[in-house]
Amino acid sequence: DKQFDLIFLDPPFESHYGQKALMRIAKLHRLKNDGLIIYEHREKTTSYPTEFVVVDEKTYGTIVVTYLRIKDGSNL
């Protein structure tokens, strides 16, 4: 039942673990309302669970770092 201010996701790039982790974080309400997820992945992703909004995204060569927060009005 714990919630976190900051969650780092750095799954193996050739897996779907990052998307699965995001869905699980949303389902289990693990991120605090003012919390931040820092998600490192290889490909630019355009779909995230609807509970989250992208607040920033940086590309470093082939690596993408996406910063996500809870969307306003979300039930998280």
N, C-alpha and C. Protein backbone atom coordinates (compact mmCIF):
# COMPACT_ATOMS: atom_id res chain seq x y z
N ASP A 1 0.82 -1.22 0.00
CA ASP A 1 0.00 0.00 0.00
C ASP A 1 0.85 1.27 0.00
N LYS A 2 2.14 1.14 -0.25
CA LYS A 2 3.01 2.31 -0.26
C LYS A 2 2.90 3.06 -1.57
N GLN A 3 3.05 4.38 -1.48
CA GLN A 3 3.13 5.23 -2.65
C GLN A 3 4.49 5.92 -2.65
N PHE A 4 4.96 6.27 -3.83
CA PHE A 4 6.29 6.80 -3.96
C PHE A 4 6.28 8.17 -4.63
N ASP A 5 7.25 9.01 -4.23
CA ASP A 5 7.43 10.33 -4.84
C ASP A 5 8.14 10.22 -6.18
N LEU A 6 9.06 9.25 -6.28
CA LEU A 6 9.90 9.12 -7.45
C LEU A 6 10.07 7.64 -7.78
N ILE A 7 9.83 7.30 -9.04
CA ILE A 7 10.00 5.92 -9.51
C ILE A 7 10.89 5.96 -10.74
N PHE A 8 11.99 5.19 -10.70
CA PHE A 8 12.88 5.04 -11.84
C PHE A 8 12.57 3.73 -12.54
N LEU A 9 12.38 3.77 -13.85
CA LEU A 9 12.18 2.56 -14.65
C LEU A 9 13.29 2.47 -15.68
N ASP A 10 14.05 1.39 -15.63
CA ASP A 10 15.12 1.16 -16.59
C ASP A 10 15.11 -0.33 -16.95
N PRO A 11 14.04 -0.78 -17.62
CA PRO A 11 13.92 -2.20 -17.95
C PRO A 11 14.82 -2.58 -19.12
N PRO A 12 15.03 -3.88 -19.32
CA PRO A 12 15.77 -4.31 -20.52
C PRO A 12 15.08 -3.74 -21.76
N PHE A 13 15.86 -3.15 -22.65
CA PHE A 13 15.30 -2.46 -23.81
C PHE A 13 14.54 -3.37 -24.76
N GLU A 14 14.91 -4.60 -24.87
CA GLU A 14 14.28 -5.52 -25.82
C GLU A 14 13.08 -6.25 -25.21
N SER A 15 12.50 -5.69 -24.16
CA SER A 15 11.35 -6.32 -23.51
C SER A 15 10.19 -5.33 -23.44
N HIS A 16 9.06 -5.82 -23.02
CA HIS A 16 7.88 -4.98 -22.80
C HIS A 16 7.68 -4.70 -21.32
N TYR A 17 8.72 -4.92 -20.52
CA TYR A 17 8.61 -4.75 -19.08
C TYR A 17 8.30 -3.31 -18.66
N GLY A 18 8.79 -2.35 -19.41
CA GLY A 18 8.53 -0.95 -19.07
C GLY A 18 7.05 -0.62 -19.14
N GLN A 19 6.41 -0.99 -20.24
CA GLN A 19 4.97 -0.74 -20.38
C GLN A 19 4.18 -1.52 -19.33
N LYS A 20 4.60 -2.76 -19.08
CA LYS A 20 3.92 -3.57 -18.06
C LYS A 20 4.07 -2.94 -16.68
N ALA A 21 5.27 -2.43 -16.39
CA ALA A 21 5.50 -1.78 -15.09
C ALA A 21 4.64 -0.53 -14.94
N LEU A 22 4.54 0.26 -16.00
CA LEU A 22 3.70 1.46 -15.95
C LEU A 22 2.24 1.10 -15.68
N MET A 23 1.75 0.07 -16.36
CA MET A 23 0.35 -0.36 -16.14
C MET A 23 0.15 -0.83 -14.70
N ARG A 24 1.14 -1.53 -14.17
CA ARG A 24 1.04 -2.02 -12.79
C ARG A 24 1.10 -0.88 -11.78
N ILE A 25 1.98 0.09 -12.02
CA ILE A 25 2.06 1.27 -11.15
C ILE A 25 0.72 1.99 -11.12
N ALA A 26 0.09 2.14 -12.28
CA ALA A 26 -1.22 2.80 -12.36
C ALA A 26 -2.28 1.98 -11.64
N LYS A 27 -2.31 0.69 -11.92
CA LYS A 27 -3.35 -0.18 -11.34
C LYS A 27 -3.25 -0.24 -9.81
N LEU A 28 -2.03 -0.27 -9.29
CA LEU A 28 -1.83 -0.40 -7.84
C LEU A 28 -1.67 0.94 -7.13
N HIS A 29 -1.80 2.05 -7.89
CA HIS A 29 -1.74 3.40 -7.31
C HIS A 29 -0.44 3.62 -6.53
N ARG A 30 0.69 3.31 -7.15
CA ARG A 30 1.99 3.39 -6.47
C ARG A 30 2.65 4.76 -6.53
N LEU A 31 2.21 5.65 -7.41
CA LEU A 31 2.81 6.97 -7.53
C LEU A 31 1.94 7.99 -6.80
N LYS A 32 2.60 8.82 -5.96
CA LYS A 32 1.87 9.89 -5.28
C LYS A 32 1.37 10.90 -6.31
N ASN A 33 0.35 11.66 -5.94
CA ASN A 33 -0.26 12.62 -6.87
C ASN A 33 0.74 13.62 -7.42
N ASP A 34 1.74 14.00 -6.63
CA ASP A 34 2.75 14.94 -7.11
C ASP A 34 4.06 14.22 -7.45
N GLY A 35 4.02 12.90 -7.60
CA GLY A 35 5.20 12.11 -7.88
C GLY A 35 5.62 12.16 -9.34
N LEU A 36 6.78 11.56 -9.60
CA LEU A 36 7.36 11.57 -10.94
C LEU A 36 7.92 10.20 -11.27
N ILE A 37 7.68 9.76 -12.49
CA ILE A 37 8.29 8.54 -13.02
C ILE A 37 9.33 8.96 -14.04
N ILE A 38 10.53 8.42 -13.92
CA ILE A 38 11.59 8.63 -14.90
C ILE A 38 11.79 7.29 -15.59
N TYR A 39 11.46 7.23 -16.86
CA TYR A 39 11.40 5.99 -17.61
C TYR A 39 12.42 6.03 -18.75
N GLU A 40 13.42 5.17 -18.68
CA GLU A 40 14.45 5.09 -19.72
C GLU A 40 14.10 3.93 -20.65
N HIS A 41 14.10 4.23 -21.95
CA HIS A 41 13.76 3.21 -22.93
C HIS A 41 14.43 3.53 -24.25
N ARG A 42 14.33 2.64 -25.19
CA ARG A 42 15.04 2.82 -26.46
C ARG A 42 14.19 3.55 -27.49
N GLU A 43 13.01 3.08 -27.76
CA GLU A 43 12.20 3.69 -28.81
C GLU A 43 11.30 4.77 -28.23
N LYS A 44 11.03 5.76 -29.05
CA LYS A 44 10.08 6.79 -28.65
C LYS A 44 8.70 6.14 -28.59
N THR A 45 8.06 6.28 -27.46
CA THR A 45 6.75 5.67 -27.24
C THR A 45 5.69 6.76 -27.26
N THR A 46 4.59 6.49 -27.91
CA THR A 46 3.52 7.49 -27.95
C THR A 46 2.32 7.07 -27.11
N SER A 47 2.34 5.86 -26.60
CA SER A 47 1.19 5.43 -25.79
C SER A 47 1.66 5.02 -24.39
N TYR A 48 1.01 5.61 -23.43
CA TYR A 48 1.24 5.31 -22.03
C TYR A 48 -0.12 5.08 -21.39
N PRO A 49 -0.16 4.44 -20.22
CA PRO A 49 -1.46 4.31 -19.55
C PRO A 49 -2.13 5.68 -19.42
N THR A 50 -3.43 5.71 -19.57
CA THR A 50 -4.16 6.98 -19.60
C THR A 50 -4.08 7.76 -18.29
N GLU A 51 -3.65 7.12 -17.22
CA GLU A 51 -3.52 7.80 -15.93
C GLU A 51 -2.33 8.75 -15.89
N PHE A 52 -1.42 8.62 -16.86
CA PHE A 52 -0.19 9.41 -16.86
C PHE A 52 -0.15 10.41 -18.01
N VAL A 53 0.63 11.46 -17.79
CA VAL A 53 0.87 12.46 -18.82
C VAL A 53 2.39 12.66 -18.91
N VAL A 54 2.88 12.83 -20.13
CA VAL A 54 4.30 13.09 -20.35
C VAL A 54 4.56 14.57 -20.06
N VAL A 55 5.49 14.84 -19.13
CA VAL A 55 5.81 16.24 -18.82
C VAL A 55 7.12 16.67 -19.48
N ASP A 56 7.94 15.70 -19.87
CA ASP A 56 9.17 16.03 -20.57
C ASP A 56 9.72 14.75 -21.21
N GLU A 57 10.54 14.92 -22.22
CA GLU A 57 11.16 13.78 -22.86
C GLU A 57 12.48 14.24 -23.47
N LYS A 58 13.54 13.50 -23.19
CA LYS A 58 14.87 13.82 -23.68
C LYS A 58 15.41 12.63 -24.45
N THR A 59 16.12 12.89 -25.53
CA THR A 59 16.74 11.84 -26.32
C THR A 59 18.25 12.01 -26.24
N TYR A 60 18.92 10.90 -25.91
CA TYR A 60 20.37 10.87 -25.82
C TYR A 60 20.85 9.76 -26.75
N GLY A 61 21.16 10.09 -27.99
CA GLY A 61 21.53 9.07 -28.97
C GLY A 61 20.34 8.17 -29.24
N THR A 62 20.46 6.89 -28.90
CA THR A 62 19.36 5.94 -29.12
C THR A 62 18.51 5.74 -27.87
N ILE A 63 18.83 6.46 -26.80
CA ILE A 63 18.11 6.32 -25.53
C ILE A 63 17.13 7.46 -25.36
N VAL A 64 15.92 7.14 -24.90
CA VAL A 64 14.90 8.15 -24.61
C VAL A 64 14.59 8.08 -23.12
N VAL A 65 14.55 9.25 -22.47
CA VAL A 65 14.16 9.33 -21.07
C VAL A 65 12.88 10.15 -21.02
N THR A 66 11.82 9.51 -20.53
CA THR A 66 10.51 10.14 -20.46
C THR A 66 10.15 10.40 -19.01
N TYR A 67 9.63 11.59 -18.74
CA TYR A 67 9.22 11.99 -17.40
C TYR A 67 7.69 12.02 -17.38
N LEU A 68 7.11 11.24 -16.49
CA LEU A 68 5.65 11.10 -16.42
C LEU A 68 5.13 11.52 -15.06
N ARG A 69 3.97 12.11 -15.06
CA ARG A 69 3.24 12.43 -13.83
C ARG A 69 1.82 11.91 -13.96
N ILE A 70 1.11 11.91 -12.85
CA ILE A 70 -0.30 11.54 -12.87
C ILE A 70 -1.09 12.64 -13.55
N LYS A 71 -1.97 12.23 -14.44
CA LYS A 71 -2.82 13.19 -15.16
C LYS A 71 -3.80 13.83 -14.18
N ASP A 72 -4.03 15.12 -14.31
CA ASP A 72 -5.02 15.81 -13.48
C ASP A 72 -6.37 15.12 -13.61
N GLY A 73 -7.01 14.89 -12.51
CA GLY A 73 -8.31 14.26 -12.53
C GLY A 73 -8.25 12.76 -12.54
N SER A 74 -7.06 12.18 -12.53
CA SER A 74 -6.94 10.72 -12.52
C SER A 74 -7.39 10.17 -11.16
N ASN A 75 -7.82 8.96 -11.18
CA ASN A 75 -8.29 8.32 -9.94
C ASN A 75 -7.16 7.70 -9.14
N LEU A 76 -5.90 7.92 -9.52
CA LEU A 76 -4.78 7.35 -8.78
C LEU A 76 -4.71 7.92 -7.40
